[in-house]
Amino acid sequence: MKRVLIAEDDPSILLSLEFLLSQAGYEVCTAKNGADALALAGAEIPDLLVLDIMLPGIDGFEICRSLRAHPASSGLLILMLTARGREHEVTRGLALGANAYLTKPFATRELLRVVRELLGGEPGS
């Protein structure tokens, strides 16, 4: 089963994402701040990190940069999912190594499409 780490500080969005991805067949773990996200992503590298930019402590840009700098996590798939949708922010996220970038509010179908695309198909594959 594909493992997805969600790094999101908004409790309602976190709960929604966790439910959506669990129902879609993914194993989900969560982090509510930047330090926890970085620790979890480095300790047990998930198949995908769904990463908010505006996290307490360490922001998503720094998490992305840090994960890309370490050989063990450099290949981790990262989907930035954030309210920050200005062109320079999208460009920065992708330049730091995010594989995809979606802005909030997002359509659940679009999110699932991107997750499946990044992970190479259905959850069990």
PDB file of N, CA and C in Angstrom:
ATOM      1  N   MET A   1       0.847  -1.184   0.000  1.00  0.00           N
ATOM      2  CA  MET A   1       0.000   0.000   0.000  1.00  0.00           C
ATOM      3  C   MET A   1       0.894   1.250   0.000  1.00  0.00           C
ATOM      4  N   LYS A   2       0.562   2.190  -0.848  1.00  0.00           N
ATOM      5  CA  LYS A   2       1.335   3.437  -0.937  1.00  0.00           C
ATOM      6  C   LYS A   2       1.089   4.286   0.308  1.00  0.00           C
ATOM      7  N   ARG A   3       2.171   4.875   0.806  1.00  0.00           N
ATOM      8  CA  ARG A   3       2.122   5.666   2.037  1.00  0.00           C
ATOM      9  C   ARG A   3       2.220   7.154   1.714  1.00  0.00           C
ATOM     10  N   VAL A   4       1.284   7.937   2.262  1.00  0.00           N
ATOM     11  CA  VAL A   4       1.244   9.375   2.023  1.00  0.00           C
ATOM     12  C   VAL A   4       1.359  10.101   3.367  1.00  0.00           C
ATOM     13  N   LEU A   5       2.292  11.030   3.445  1.00  0.00           N
ATOM     14  CA  LEU A   5       2.426  11.908   4.598  1.00  0.00           C
ATOM     15  C   LEU A   5       1.784  13.237   4.244  1.00  0.00           C
ATOM     16  N   ILE A   6       0.868  13.692   5.084  1.00  0.00           N
ATOM     17  CA  ILE A   6       0.217  14.989   4.886  1.00  0.00           C
ATOM     18  C   ILE A   6       0.768  15.950   5.929  1.00  0.00           C
ATOM     19  N   ALA A   7       1.343  17.058   5.493  1.00  0.00           N
ATOM     20  CA  ALA A   7       1.841  18.096   6.385  1.00  0.00           C
ATOM     21  C   ALA A   7       0.933  19.315   6.227  1.00  0.00           C
ATOM     22  N   GLU A   8       0.067  19.515   7.206  1.00  0.00           N
ATOM     23  CA  GLU A   8      -0.966  20.559   7.142  1.00  0.00           C
ATOM     24  C   GLU A   8      -1.299  20.991   8.559  1.00  0.00           C
ATOM     25  N   ASP A   9      -1.328  22.308   8.807  1.00  0.00           N
ATOM     26  CA  ASP A   9      -1.606  22.798  10.162  1.00  0.00           C
ATOM     27  C   ASP A   9      -3.077  23.138  10.410  1.00  0.00           C
ATOM     28  N   ASP A  10      -3.876  23.246   9.359  1.00  0.00           N
ATOM     29  CA  ASP A  10      -5.301  23.536   9.538  1.00  0.00           C
ATOM     30  C   ASP A  10      -6.018  22.218   9.847  1.00  0.00           C
ATOM     31  N   PRO A  11      -6.579  22.079  11.074  1.00  0.00           N
ATOM     32  CA  PRO A  11      -7.182  20.803  11.470  1.00  0.00           C
ATOM     33  C   PRO A  11      -8.292  20.309  10.545  1.00  0.00           C
ATOM     34  N   SER A  12      -9.125  21.205  10.033  1.00  0.00           N
ATOM     35  CA  SER A  12     -10.222  20.757   9.176  1.00  0.00           C
ATOM     36  C   SER A  12      -9.709  20.271   7.823  1.00  0.00           C
ATOM     37  N   ILE A  13      -8.726  20.956   7.269  1.00  0.00           N
ATOM     38  CA  ILE A  13      -8.154  20.516   5.993  1.00  0.00           C
ATOM     39  C   ILE A  13      -7.395  19.208   6.191  1.00  0.00           C
ATOM     40  N   LEU A  14      -6.652  19.113   7.288  1.00  0.00           N
ATOM     41  CA  LEU A  14      -5.906  17.887   7.585  1.00  0.00           C
ATOM     42  C   LEU A  14      -6.844  16.687   7.691  1.00  0.00           C
ATOM     43  N   LEU A  15      -7.924  16.856   8.430  1.00  0.00           N
ATOM     44  CA  LEU A  15      -8.896  15.782   8.593  1.00  0.00           C
ATOM     45  C   LEU A  15      -9.521  15.397   7.249  1.00  0.00           C
ATOM     46  N   SER A  16      -9.870  16.390   6.445  1.00  0.00           N
ATOM     47  CA  SER A  16     -10.457  16.124   5.129  1.00  0.00           C
ATOM     48  C   SER A  16      -9.493  15.376   4.216  1.00  0.00           C
ATOM     49  N   LEU A  17      -8.252  15.819   4.189  1.00  0.00           N
ATOM     50  CA  LEU A  17      -7.252  15.152   3.351  1.00  0.00           C
ATOM     51  C   LEU A  17      -6.991  13.731   3.830  1.00  0.00           C
ATOM     52  N   GLU A  18      -6.895  13.570   5.140  1.00  0.00           N
ATOM     53  CA  GLU A  18      -6.649  12.248   5.700  1.00  0.00           C
ATOM     54  C   GLU A  18      -7.790  11.293   5.332  1.00  0.00           C
ATOM     55  N   PHE A  19      -9.025  11.760   5.476  1.00  0.00           N
ATOM     56  CA  PHE A  19     -10.188  10.942   5.138  1.00  0.00           C
ATOM     57  C   PHE A  19     -10.203  10.616   3.645  1.00  0.00           C
ATOM     58  N   LEU A  20     -10.024  11.632   2.806  1.00  0.00           N
ATOM     59  CA  LEU A  20     -10.069  11.459   1.358  1.00  0.00           C
ATOM     60  C   LEU A  20      -9.033  10.440   0.885  1.00  0.00           C
ATOM     61  N   LEU A  21      -7.801  10.589   1.333  1.00  0.00           N
ATOM     62  CA  LEU A  21      -6.738   9.704   0.868  1.00  0.00           C
ATOM     63  C   LEU A  21      -6.852   8.307   1.464  1.00  0.00           C
ATOM     64  N   SER A  22      -7.318   8.210   2.695  1.00  0.00           N
ATOM     65  CA  SER A  22      -7.553   6.891   3.304  1.00  0.00           C
ATOM     66  C   SER A  22      -8.649   6.150   2.547  1.00  0.00           C
ATOM     67  N   GLN A  23      -9.730   6.857   2.237  1.00  0.00           N
ATOM     68  CA  GLN A  23     -10.837   6.251   1.502  1.00  0.00           C
ATOM     69  C   GLN A  23     -10.413   5.840   0.092  1.00  0.00           C
ATOM     70  N   ALA A  24      -9.437   6.532  -0.450  1.00  0.00           N
ATOM     71  CA  ALA A  24      -8.939   6.200  -1.783  1.00  0.00           C
ATOM     72  C   ALA A  24      -7.973   5.015  -1.758  1.00  0.00           C
ATOM     73  N   GLY A  25      -7.638   4.530  -0.558  1.00  0.00           N
ATOM     74  CA  GLY A  25      -6.811   3.334  -0.443  1.00  0.00           C
ATOM     75  C   GLY A  25      -5.363   3.553  -0.067  1.00  0.00           C
ATOM     76  N   TYR A  26      -5.017   4.765   0.366  1.00  0.00           N
ATOM     77  CA  TYR A  26      -3.644   5.048   0.748  1.00  0.00           C
ATOM     78  C   TYR A  26      -3.471   4.921   2.263  1.00  0.00           C
ATOM     79  N   GLU A  27      -2.277   4.530   2.676  1.00  0.00           N
ATOM     80  CA  GLU A  27      -1.920   4.561   4.092  1.00  0.00           C
ATOM     81  C   GLU A  27      -1.489   5.995   4.376  1.00  0.00           C
ATOM     82  N   VAL A  28      -2.091   6.623   5.378  1.00  0.00           N
ATOM     83  CA  VAL A  28      -1.865   8.046   5.619  1.00  0.00           C
ATOM     84  C   VAL A  28      -1.277   8.281   7.004  1.00  0.00           C
ATOM     85  N   CYS A  29      -0.273   9.143   7.077  1.00  0.00           N
ATOM     86  CA  CYS A  29       0.210   9.651   8.352  1.00  0.00           C
ATOM     87  C   CYS A  29       0.215  11.179   8.238  1.00  0.00           C
ATOM     88  N   THR A  30       0.213  11.858   9.374  1.00  0.00           N
ATOM     89  CA  THR A  30       0.050  13.308   9.352  1.00  0.00           C
ATOM     90  C   THR A  30       1.078  14.022  10.230  1.00  0.00           C
ATOM     91  N   ALA A  31       1.305  15.273   9.880  1.00  0.00           N
ATOM     92  CA  ALA A  31       2.149  16.175  10.666  1.00  0.00           C
ATOM     93  C   ALA A  31       1.468  17.537  10.679  1.00  0.00           C
ATOM     94  N   LYS A  32       1.485  18.191  11.847  1.00  0.00           N
ATOM     95  CA  LYS A  32       0.800  19.477  11.987  1.00  0.00           C
ATOM     96  C   LYS A  32       1.744  20.671  12.002  1.00  0.00           C
ATOM     97  N   ASN A  33       3.049  20.416  11.922  1.00  0.00           N
ATOM     98  CA  ASN A  33       4.008  21.514  11.876  1.00  0.00           C
ATOM     99  C   ASN A  33       5.222  21.085  11.056  1.00  0.00           C
ATOM    100  N   GLY A  34       6.061  22.054  10.760  1.00  0.00           N
ATOM    101  CA  GLY A  34       7.203  21.787   9.894  1.00  0.00           C
ATOM    102  C   GLY A  34       8.221  20.825  10.463  1.00  0.00           C
ATOM    103  N   ALA A  35       8.522  20.951  11.750  1.00  0.00           N
ATOM    104  CA  ALA A  35       9.517  20.070  12.371  1.00  0.00           C
ATOM    105  C   ALA A  35       9.056  18.620  12.333  1.00  0.00           C
ATOM    106  N   ASP A  36       7.790  18.371  12.657  1.00  0.00           N
ATOM    107  CA  ASP A  36       7.258  17.003  12.619  1.00  0.00           C
ATOM    108  C   ASP A  36       7.258  16.459  11.193  1.00  0.00           C
ATOM    109  N   ALA A  37       6.890  17.296  10.233  1.00  0.00           N
ATOM    110  CA  ALA A  37       6.868  16.859   8.836  1.00  0.00           C
ATOM    111  C   ALA A  37       8.259  16.457   8.377  1.00  0.00           C
ATOM    112  N   LEU A  38       9.247  17.259   8.705  1.00  0.00           N
ATOM    113  CA  LEU A  38      10.621  16.970   8.308  1.00  0.00           C
ATOM    114  C   LEU A  38      11.121  15.696   8.980  1.00  0.00           C
ATOM    115  N   ALA A  39      10.816  15.532  10.258  1.00  0.00           N
ATOM    116  CA  ALA A  39      11.246  14.335  10.990  1.00  0.00           C
ATOM    117  C   ALA A  39      10.586  13.077  10.426  1.00  0.00           C
ATOM    118  N   LEU A  40       9.271  13.127  10.196  1.00  0.00           N
ATOM    119  CA  LEU A  40       8.560  11.955   9.671  1.00  0.00           C
ATOM    120  C   LEU A  40       9.000  11.618   8.244  1.00  0.00           C
ATOM    121  N   ALA A  41       9.181  12.629   7.421  1.00  0.00           N
ATOM    122  CA  ALA A  41       9.586  12.396   6.036  1.00  0.00           C
ATOM    123  C   ALA A  41      10.998  11.829   5.963  1.00  0.00           C
ATOM    124  N   GLY A  42      11.839  12.196   6.921  1.00  0.00           N
ATOM    125  CA  GLY A  42      13.212  11.695   6.927  1.00  0.00           C
ATOM    126  C   GLY A  42      13.357  10.339   7.578  1.00  0.00           C
ATOM    127  N   ALA A  43      12.513  10.030   8.566  1.00  0.00           N
ATOM    128  CA  ALA A  43      12.633   8.782   9.318  1.00  0.00           C
ATOM    129  C   ALA A  43      12.087   7.593   8.541  1.00  0.00           C
ATOM    130  N   GLU A  44      10.868   7.696   8.114  1.00  0.00           N
ATOM    131  CA  GLU A  44      10.224   6.631   7.343  1.00  0.00           C
ATOM    132  C   GLU A  44       9.716   7.258   6.062  1.00  0.00           C
ATOM    133  N   ILE A  45      10.557   7.282   5.079  1.00  0.00           N
ATOM    134  CA  ILE A  45      10.254   8.026   3.864  1.00  0.00           C
ATOM    135  C   ILE A  45       8.977   7.493   3.210  1.00  0.00           C
ATOM    136  N   PRO A  46       7.958   8.364   3.127  1.00  0.00           N
ATOM    137  CA  PRO A  46       6.695   7.949   2.488  1.00  0.00           C
ATOM    138  C   PRO A  46       6.856   7.917   0.970  1.00  0.00           C
ATOM    139  N   ASP A  47       5.833   7.425   0.301  1.00  0.00           N
ATOM    140  CA  ASP A  47       5.848   7.437  -1.162  1.00  0.00           C
ATOM    141  C   ASP A  47       5.558   8.841  -1.684  1.00  0.00           C
ATOM    142  N   LEU A  48       4.786   9.622  -0.903  1.00  0.00           N
ATOM    143  CA  LEU A  48       4.388  10.970  -1.308  1.00  0.00           C
ATOM    144  C   LEU A  48       4.223  11.846  -0.083  1.00  0.00           C
ATOM    145  N   LEU A  49       4.673  13.079  -0.186  1.00  0.00           N
ATOM    146  CA  LEU A  49       4.457  14.096   0.844  1.00  0.00           C
ATOM    147  C   LEU A  49       3.528  15.153   0.265  1.00  0.00           C
ATOM    148  N   VAL A  50       2.360  15.322   0.892  1.00  0.00           N
ATOM    149  CA  VAL A  50       1.442  16.412   0.538  1.00  0.00           C
ATOM    150  C   VAL A  50       1.781  17.531   1.504  1.00  0.00           C
ATOM    151  N   LEU A  51       2.331  18.612   0.988  1.00  0.00           N
ATOM    152  CA  LEU A  51       3.002  19.619   1.807  1.00  0.00           C
ATOM    153  C   LEU A  51       2.376  21.007   1.681  1.00  0.00           C
ATOM    154  N   ASP A  52       1.910  21.527   2.817  1.00  0.00           N
ATOM    155  CA  ASP A  52       1.461  22.913   2.883  1.00  0.00           C
ATOM    156  C   ASP A  52       2.701  23.795   3.003  1.00  0.00           C
ATOM    157  N   ILE A  53       2.656  24.995   2.500  1.00  0.00           N
ATOM    158  CA  ILE A  53       3.796  25.904   2.635  1.00  0.00           C
ATOM    159  C   ILE A  53       3.774  26.604   3.985  1.00  0.00           C
ATOM    160  N   MET A  54       2.600  27.051   4.397  1.00  0.00           N
ATOM    161  CA  MET A  54       2.493  27.843   5.627  1.00  0.00           C
ATOM    162  C   MET A  54       2.292  26.934   6.840  1.00  0.00           C
ATOM    163  N   LEU A  55       3.403  26.383   7.317  1.00  0.00           N
ATOM    164  CA  LEU A  55       3.396  25.523   8.496  1.00  0.00           C
ATOM    165  C   LEU A  55       4.101  26.230   9.646  1.00  0.00           C
ATOM    166  N   PRO A  56       3.686  25.968  10.883  1.00  0.00           N
ATOM    167  CA  PRO A  56       4.401  26.535  12.024  1.00  0.00           C
ATOM    168  C   PRO A  56       5.834  25.988  12.085  1.00  0.00           C
ATOM    169  N   GLY A  57       6.755  26.848  12.463  1.00  0.00           N
ATOM    170  CA  GLY A  57       8.148  26.422  12.611  1.00  0.00           C
ATOM    171  C   GLY A  57       8.885  26.495  11.292  1.00  0.00           C
ATOM    172  N   ILE A  58       8.983  25.389  10.616  1.00  0.00           N
ATOM    173  CA  ILE A  58       9.691  25.299   9.345  1.00  0.00           C
ATOM    174  C   ILE A  58       8.653  25.319   8.220  1.00  0.00           C
ATOM    175  N   ASP A  59       8.803  26.254   7.283  1.00  0.00           N
ATOM    176  CA  ASP A  59       7.795  26.333   6.224  1.00  0.00           C
ATOM    177  C   ASP A  59       8.029  25.268   5.148  1.00  0.00           C
ATOM    178  N   GLY A  60       7.033  25.087   4.299  1.00  0.00           N
ATOM    179  CA  GLY A  60       7.085  24.056   3.274  1.00  0.00           C
ATOM    180  C   GLY A  60       8.204  24.231   2.270  1.00  0.00           C
ATOM    181  N   PHE A  61       8.556  25.464   1.945  1.00  0.00           N
ATOM    182  CA  PHE A  61       9.669  25.692   1.034  1.00  0.00           C
ATOM    183  C   PHE A  61      10.958  25.127   1.623  1.00  0.00           C
ATOM    184  N   GLU A  62      11.197  25.413   2.896  1.00  0.00           N
ATOM    185  CA  GLU A  62      12.409  24.946   3.565  1.00  0.00           C
ATOM    186  C   GLU A  62      12.404  23.422   3.704  1.00  0.00           C
ATOM    187  N   ILE A  63      11.244  22.844   3.987  1.00  0.00           N
ATOM    188  CA  ILE A  63      11.135  21.384   4.081  1.00  0.00           C
ATOM    189  C   ILE A  63      11.496  20.757   2.739  1.00  0.00           C
ATOM    190  N   CYS A  64      10.938  21.287   1.674  1.00  0.00           N
ATOM    191  CA  CYS A  64      11.223  20.775   0.338  1.00  0.00           C
ATOM    192  C   CYS A  64      12.717  20.870   0.032  1.00  0.00           C
ATOM    193  N   ARG A  65      13.302  22.018   0.288  1.00  0.00           N
ATOM    194  CA  ARG A  65      14.729  22.222   0.036  1.00  0.00           C
ATOM    195  C   ARG A  65      15.570  21.235   0.840  1.00  0.00           C
ATOM    196  N   SER A  66      15.235  21.083   2.106  1.00  0.00           N
ATOM    197  CA  SER A  66      15.983  20.198   2.991  1.00  0.00           C
ATOM    198  C   SER A  66      15.883  18.734   2.556  1.00  0.00           C
ATOM    199  N   LEU A  67      14.683  18.293   2.197  1.00  0.00           N
ATOM    200  CA  LEU A  67      14.509  16.909   1.765  1.00  0.00           C
ATOM    201  C   LEU A  67      15.264  16.631   0.469  1.00  0.00           C
ATOM    202  N   ARG A  68      15.280  17.581  -0.427  1.00  0.00           N
ATOM    203  CA  ARG A  68      15.992  17.407  -1.696  1.00  0.00           C
ATOM    204  C   ARG A  68      17.508  17.389  -1.494  1.00  0.00           C
ATOM    205  N   ALA A  69      17.989  18.014  -0.426  1.00  0.00           N
ATOM    206  CA  ALA A  69      19.425  18.096  -0.170  1.00  0.00           C
ATOM    207  C   ALA A  69      20.005  16.805   0.402  1.00  0.00           C
ATOM    208  N   HIS A  70      19.165  15.922   0.937  1.00  0.00           N
ATOM    209  CA  HIS A  70      19.640  14.687   1.555  1.00  0.00           C
ATOM    210  C   HIS A  70      19.404  13.508   0.614  1.00  0.00           C
ATOM    211  N   PRO A  71      20.448  12.726   0.345  1.00  0.00           N
ATOM    212  CA  PRO A  71      20.331  11.611  -0.595  1.00  0.00           C
ATOM    213  C   PRO A  71      19.183  10.634  -0.275  1.00  0.00           C
ATOM    214  N   ALA A  72      18.953  10.338   0.989  1.00  0.00           N
ATOM    215  CA  ALA A  72      17.921   9.361   1.363  1.00  0.00           C
ATOM    216  C   ALA A  72      16.513   9.830   0.984  1.00  0.00           C
ATOM    217  N   SER A  73      16.280  11.133   1.022  1.00  0.00           N
ATOM    218  CA  SER A  73      14.938  11.653   0.739  1.00  0.00           C
ATOM    219  C   SER A  73      14.866  12.455  -0.562  1.00  0.00           C
ATOM    220  N   SER A  74      15.952  12.494  -1.297  1.00  0.00           N
ATOM    221  CA  SER A  74      15.984  13.352  -2.494  1.00  0.00           C
ATOM    222  C   SER A  74      14.992  12.907  -3.567  1.00  0.00           C
ATOM    223  N   GLY A  75      14.611  11.643  -3.580  1.00  0.00           N
ATOM    224  CA  GLY A  75      13.673  11.157  -4.576  1.00  0.00           C
ATOM    225  C   GLY A  75      12.228  11.133  -4.124  1.00  0.00           C
ATOM    226  N   LEU A  76      11.970  11.597  -2.915  1.00  0.00           N
ATOM    227  CA  LEU A  76      10.606  11.622  -2.378  1.00  0.00           C
ATOM    228  C   LEU A  76       9.711  12.480  -3.269  1.00  0.00           C
ATOM    229  N   LEU A  77       8.540  11.970  -3.591  1.00  0.00           N
ATOM    230  CA  LEU A  77       7.579  12.747  -4.366  1.00  0.00           C
ATOM    231  C   LEU A  77       6.928  13.781  -3.457  1.00  0.00           C
ATOM    232  N   ILE A  78       6.871  15.023  -3.918  1.00  0.00           N
ATOM    233  CA  ILE A  78       6.310  16.112  -3.117  1.00  0.00           C
ATOM    234  C   ILE A  78       5.243  16.848  -3.919  1.00  0.00           C
ATOM    235  N   LEU A  79       4.066  16.924  -3.311  1.00  0.00           N
ATOM    236  CA  LEU A  79       2.954  17.703  -3.859  1.00  0.00           C
ATOM    237  C   LEU A  79       2.714  18.868  -2.916  1.00  0.00           C
ATOM    238  N   MET A  80       3.005  20.078  -3.367  1.00  0.00           N
ATOM    239  CA  MET A  80       2.707  21.252  -2.555  1.00  0.00           C
ATOM    240  C   MET A  80       1.227  21.579  -2.743  1.00  0.00           C
ATOM    241  N   LEU A  81       0.516  21.685  -1.628  1.00  0.00           N
ATOM    242  CA  LEU A  81      -0.912  21.983  -1.622  1.00  0.00           C
ATOM    243  C   LEU A  81      -1.095  23.160  -0.676  1.00  0.00           C
ATOM    244  N   THR A  82      -1.322  24.341  -1.237  1.00  0.00           N
ATOM    245  CA  THR A  82      -1.247  25.549  -0.439  1.00  0.00           C
ATOM    246  C   THR A  82      -2.157  26.652  -0.951  1.00  0.00           C
ATOM    247  N   ALA A  83      -2.433  27.593  -0.088  1.00  0.00           N
ATOM    248  CA  ALA A  83      -3.205  28.770  -0.480  1.00  0.00           C
ATOM    249  C   ALA A  83      -2.338  29.774  -1.238  1.00  0.00           C
ATOM    250  N   ARG A  84      -1.052  29.591  -1.194  1.00  0.00           N
ATOM    251  CA  ARG A  84      -0.129  30.501  -1.878  1.00  0.00           C
ATOM    252  C   ARG A  84      -0.027  30.111  -3.348  1.00  0.00           C
ATOM    253  N   GLY A  85      -0.723  30.870  -4.178  1.00  0.00           N
ATOM    254  CA  GLY A  85      -0.794  30.499  -5.575  1.00  0.00           C
ATOM    255  C   GLY A  85      -0.257  31.524  -6.545  1.00  0.00           C
ATOM    256  N   ARG A  86       0.460  32.528  -6.046  1.00  0.00           N
ATOM    257  CA  ARG A  86       1.031  33.506  -6.967  1.00  0.00           C
ATOM    258  C   ARG A  86       2.119  32.849  -7.803  1.00  0.00           C
ATOM    259  N   GLU A  87       2.291  33.365  -9.004  1.00  0.00           N
ATOM    260  CA  GLU A  87       3.215  32.745  -9.953  1.00  0.00           C
ATOM    261  C   GLU A  87       4.614  32.559  -9.380  1.00  0.00           C
ATOM    262  N   HIS A  88       5.129  33.548  -8.662  1.00  0.00           N
ATOM    263  CA  HIS A  88       6.497  33.416  -8.140  1.00  0.00           C
ATOM    264  C   HIS A  88       6.579  32.346  -7.045  1.00  0.00           C
ATOM    265  N   GLU A  89       5.471  32.111  -6.328  1.00  0.00           N
ATOM    266  CA  GLU A  89       5.469  31.067  -5.300  1.00  0.00           C
ATOM    267  C   GLU A  89       5.423  29.683  -5.940  1.00  0.00           C
ATOM    268  N   VAL A  90       4.615  29.536  -6.979  1.00  0.00           N
ATOM    269  CA  VAL A  90       4.557  28.271  -7.710  1.00  0.00           C
ATOM    270  C   VAL A  90       5.931  27.983  -8.319  1.00  0.00           C
ATOM    271  N   THR A  91       6.515  28.977  -8.950  1.00  0.00           N
ATOM    272  CA  THR A  91       7.834  28.828  -9.556  1.00  0.00           C
ATOM    273  C   THR A  91       8.870  28.439  -8.511  1.00  0.00           C
ATOM    274  N   ARG A  92       8.833  29.077  -7.361  1.00  0.00           N
ATOM    275  CA  ARG A  92       9.787  28.769  -6.290  1.00  0.00           C
ATOM    276  C   ARG A  92       9.609  27.330  -5.804  1.00  0.00           C
ATOM    277  N   GLY A  93       8.358  26.917  -5.567  1.00  0.00           N
ATOM    278  CA  GLY A  93       8.097  25.555  -5.098  1.00  0.00           C
ATOM    279  C   GLY A  93       8.609  24.505  -6.072  1.00  0.00           C
ATOM    280  N   LEU A  94       8.342  24.708  -7.342  1.00  0.00           N
ATOM    281  CA  LEU A  94       8.801  23.759  -8.357  1.00  0.00           C
ATOM    282  C   LEU A  94      10.316  23.793  -8.502  1.00  0.00           C
ATOM    283  N   ALA A  95      10.908  24.988  -8.393  1.00  0.00           N
ATOM    284  CA  ALA A  95      12.365  25.107  -8.485  1.00  0.00           C
ATOM    285  C   ALA A  95      13.059  24.423  -7.305  1.00  0.00           C
ATOM    286  N   LEU A  96      12.423  24.408  -6.152  1.00  0.00           N
ATOM    287  CA  LEU A  96      12.993  23.745  -4.982  1.00  0.00           C
ATOM    288  C   LEU A  96      12.845  22.227  -5.042  1.00  0.00           C
ATOM    289  N   GLY A  97      12.055  21.745  -5.999  1.00  0.00           N
ATOM    290  CA  GLY A  97      11.967  20.310  -6.186  1.00  0.00           C
ATOM    291  C   GLY A  97      10.609  19.684  -6.022  1.00  0.00           C
ATOM    292  N   ALA A  98       9.557  20.485  -5.820  1.00  0.00           N
ATOM    293  CA  ALA A  98       8.212  19.901  -5.743  1.00  0.00           C
ATOM    294  C   ALA A  98       7.879  19.269  -7.094  1.00  0.00           C
ATOM    295  N   ASN A  99       7.232  18.116  -7.059  1.00  0.00           N
ATOM    296  CA  ASN A  99       6.848  17.430  -8.282  1.00  0.00           C
ATOM    297  C   ASN A  99       5.551  17.983  -8.867  1.00  0.00           C
ATOM    298  N   ALA A 100       4.718  18.572  -7.994  1.00  0.00           N
ATOM    299  CA  ALA A 100       3.443  19.152  -8.428  1.00  0.00           C
ATOM    300  C   ALA A 100       3.050  20.230  -7.427  1.00  0.00           C
ATOM    301  N   TYR A 101       2.163  21.122  -7.854  1.00  0.00           N
ATOM    302  CA  TYR A 101       1.764  22.265  -7.031  1.00  0.00           C
ATOM    303  C   TYR A 101       0.281  22.519  -7.268  1.00  0.00           C
ATOM    304  N   LEU A 102      -0.529  22.388  -6.228  1.00  0.00           N
ATOM    305  CA  LEU A 102      -1.955  22.696  -6.304  1.00  0.00           C
ATOM    306  C   LEU A 102      -2.282  23.787  -5.297  1.00  0.00           C
ATOM    307  N   THR A 103      -3.241  24.635  -5.658  1.00  0.00           N
ATOM    308  CA  THR A 103      -3.627  25.697  -4.741  1.00  0.00           C
ATOM    309  C   THR A 103      -4.979  25.396  -4.091  1.00  0.00           C
ATOM    310  N   LYS A 104      -5.128  25.911  -2.884  1.00  0.00           N
ATOM    311  CA  LYS A 104      -6.392  25.827  -2.149  1.00  0.00           C
ATOM    312  C   LYS A 104      -7.226  27.036  -2.552  1.00  0.00           C
ATOM    313  N   PRO A 105      -8.517  26.903  -2.640  1.00  0.00           N
ATOM    314  CA  PRO A 105      -9.269  25.658  -2.483  1.00  0.00           C
ATOM    315  C   PRO A 105      -9.019  24.747  -3.678  1.00  0.00           C
ATOM    316  N   PHE A 106      -9.129  23.451  -3.460  1.00  0.00           N
ATOM    317  CA  PHE A 106      -8.861  22.480  -4.499  1.00  0.00           C
ATOM    318  C   PHE A 106     -10.074  21.560  -4.661  1.00  0.00           C
ATOM    319  N   ALA A 107     -10.200  21.005  -5.836  1.00  0.00           N
ATOM    320  CA  ALA A 107     -11.251  20.022  -6.096  1.00  0.00           C
ATOM    321  C   ALA A 107     -10.710  18.658  -5.708  1.00  0.00           C
ATOM    322  N   THR A 108     -11.496  17.875  -4.974  1.00  0.00           N
ATOM    323  CA  THR A 108     -11.020  16.570  -4.517  1.00  0.00           C
ATOM    324  C   THR A 108     -10.661  15.669  -5.695  1.00  0.00           C
ATOM    325  N   ARG A 109     -11.414  15.727  -6.769  1.00  0.00           N
ATOM    326  CA  ARG A 109     -11.091  14.909  -7.948  1.00  0.00           C
ATOM    327  C   ARG A 109      -9.730  15.281  -8.519  1.00  0.00           C
ATOM    328  N   GLU A 110      -9.454  16.574  -8.566  1.00  0.00           N
ATOM    329  CA  GLU A 110      -8.163  17.038  -9.087  1.00  0.00           C
ATOM    330  C   GLU A 110      -7.025  16.568  -8.184  1.00  0.00           C
ATOM    331  N   LEU A 111      -7.215  16.685  -6.876  1.00  0.00           N
ATOM    332  CA  LEU A 111      -6.194  16.228  -5.938  1.00  0.00           C
ATOM    333  C   LEU A 111      -5.932  14.737  -6.124  1.00  0.00           C
ATOM    334  N   LEU A 112      -6.984  13.932  -6.166  1.00  0.00           N
ATOM    335  CA  LEU A 112      -6.805  12.492  -6.349  1.00  0.00           C
ATOM    336  C   LEU A 112      -6.160  12.165  -7.694  1.00  0.00           C
ATOM    337  N   ARG A 113      -6.507  12.919  -8.725  1.00  0.00           N
ATOM    338  CA  ARG A 113      -5.890  12.704 -10.037  1.00  0.00           C
ATOM    339  C   ARG A 113      -4.383  12.937  -9.968  1.00  0.00           C
ATOM    340  N   VAL A 114      -3.981  14.029  -9.330  1.00  0.00           N
ATOM    341  CA  VAL A 114      -2.556  14.357  -9.232  1.00  0.00           C
ATOM    342  C   VAL A 114      -1.830  13.326  -8.366  1.00  0.00           C
ATOM    343  N   VAL A 115      -2.434  12.942  -7.251  1.00  0.00           N
ATOM    344  CA  VAL A 115      -1.816  11.939  -6.373  1.00  0.00           C
ATOM    345  C   VAL A 115      -1.616  10.633  -7.139  1.00  0.00           C
ATOM    346  N   ARG A 116      -2.646  10.183  -7.838  1.00  0.00           N
ATOM    347  CA  ARG A 116      -2.531   8.928  -8.600  1.00  0.00           C
ATOM    348  C   ARG A 116      -1.499   9.046  -9.719  1.00  0.00           C
ATOM    349  N   GLU A 117      -1.463  10.197 -10.352  1.00  0.00           N
ATOM    350  CA  GLU A 117      -0.486  10.420 -11.415  1.00  0.00           C
ATOM    351  C   GLU A 117       0.933  10.352 -10.859  1.00  0.00           C
ATOM    352  N   LEU A 118       1.159  11.006  -9.739  1.00  0.00           N
ATOM    353  CA  LEU A 118       2.491  11.008  -9.128  1.00  0.00           C
ATOM    354  C   LEU A 118       2.903   9.608  -8.671  1.00  0.00           C
ATOM    355  N   LEU A 119       1.948   8.868  -8.111  1.00  0.00           N
ATOM    356  CA  LEU A 119       2.263   7.553  -7.551  1.00  0.00           C
ATOM    357  C   LEU A 119       2.150   6.418  -8.573  1.00  0.00           C
ATOM    358  N   GLY A 120       1.828   6.751  -9.790  1.00  0.00           N
ATOM    359  CA  GLY A 120       1.826   5.747 -10.832  1.00  0.00           C
ATOM    360  C   GLY A 120       0.606   4.857 -10.876  1.00  0.00           C
ATOM    361  N   GLY A 121      -0.538   5.374 -10.563  1.00  0.00           N
ATOM    362  CA  GLY A 121      -1.769   4.597 -10.679  1.00  0.00           C
ATOM    363  C   GLY A 121      -2.528   4.457  -9.385  1.00  0.00           C
ATOM    364  N   GLU A 122      -3.250   3.370  -9.269  1.00  0.00           N
ATOM    365  CA  GLU A 122      -4.104   3.132  -8.109  1.00  0.00           C
ATOM    366  C   GLU A 122      -3.255   2.823  -6.870  1.00  0.00           C
ATOM    367  N   PRO A 123      -3.822   3.023  -5.678  1.00  0.00           N
ATOM    368  CA  PRO A 123      -3.092   2.855  -4.424  1.00  0.00           C
ATOM    369  C   PRO A 123      -2.398   1.510  -4.251  1.00  0.00           C
ATOM    370  N   GLY A 124      -3.011   0.432  -4.681  1.00  0.00           N
ATOM    371  CA  GLY A 124      -2.434  -0.882  -4.482  1.00  0.00           C
ATOM    372  C   GLY A 124      -1.393  -1.286  -5.499  1.00  0.00           C
ATOM    373  N   SER A 125      -1.183  -0.436  -6.507  1.00  0.00           N
ATOM    374  CA  SER A 125      -0.268  -0.826  -7.584  1.00  0.00           C
ATOM    375  C   SER A 125       1.176  -0.474  -7.278  1.00  0.00           C
TER     376      SER A 125
END
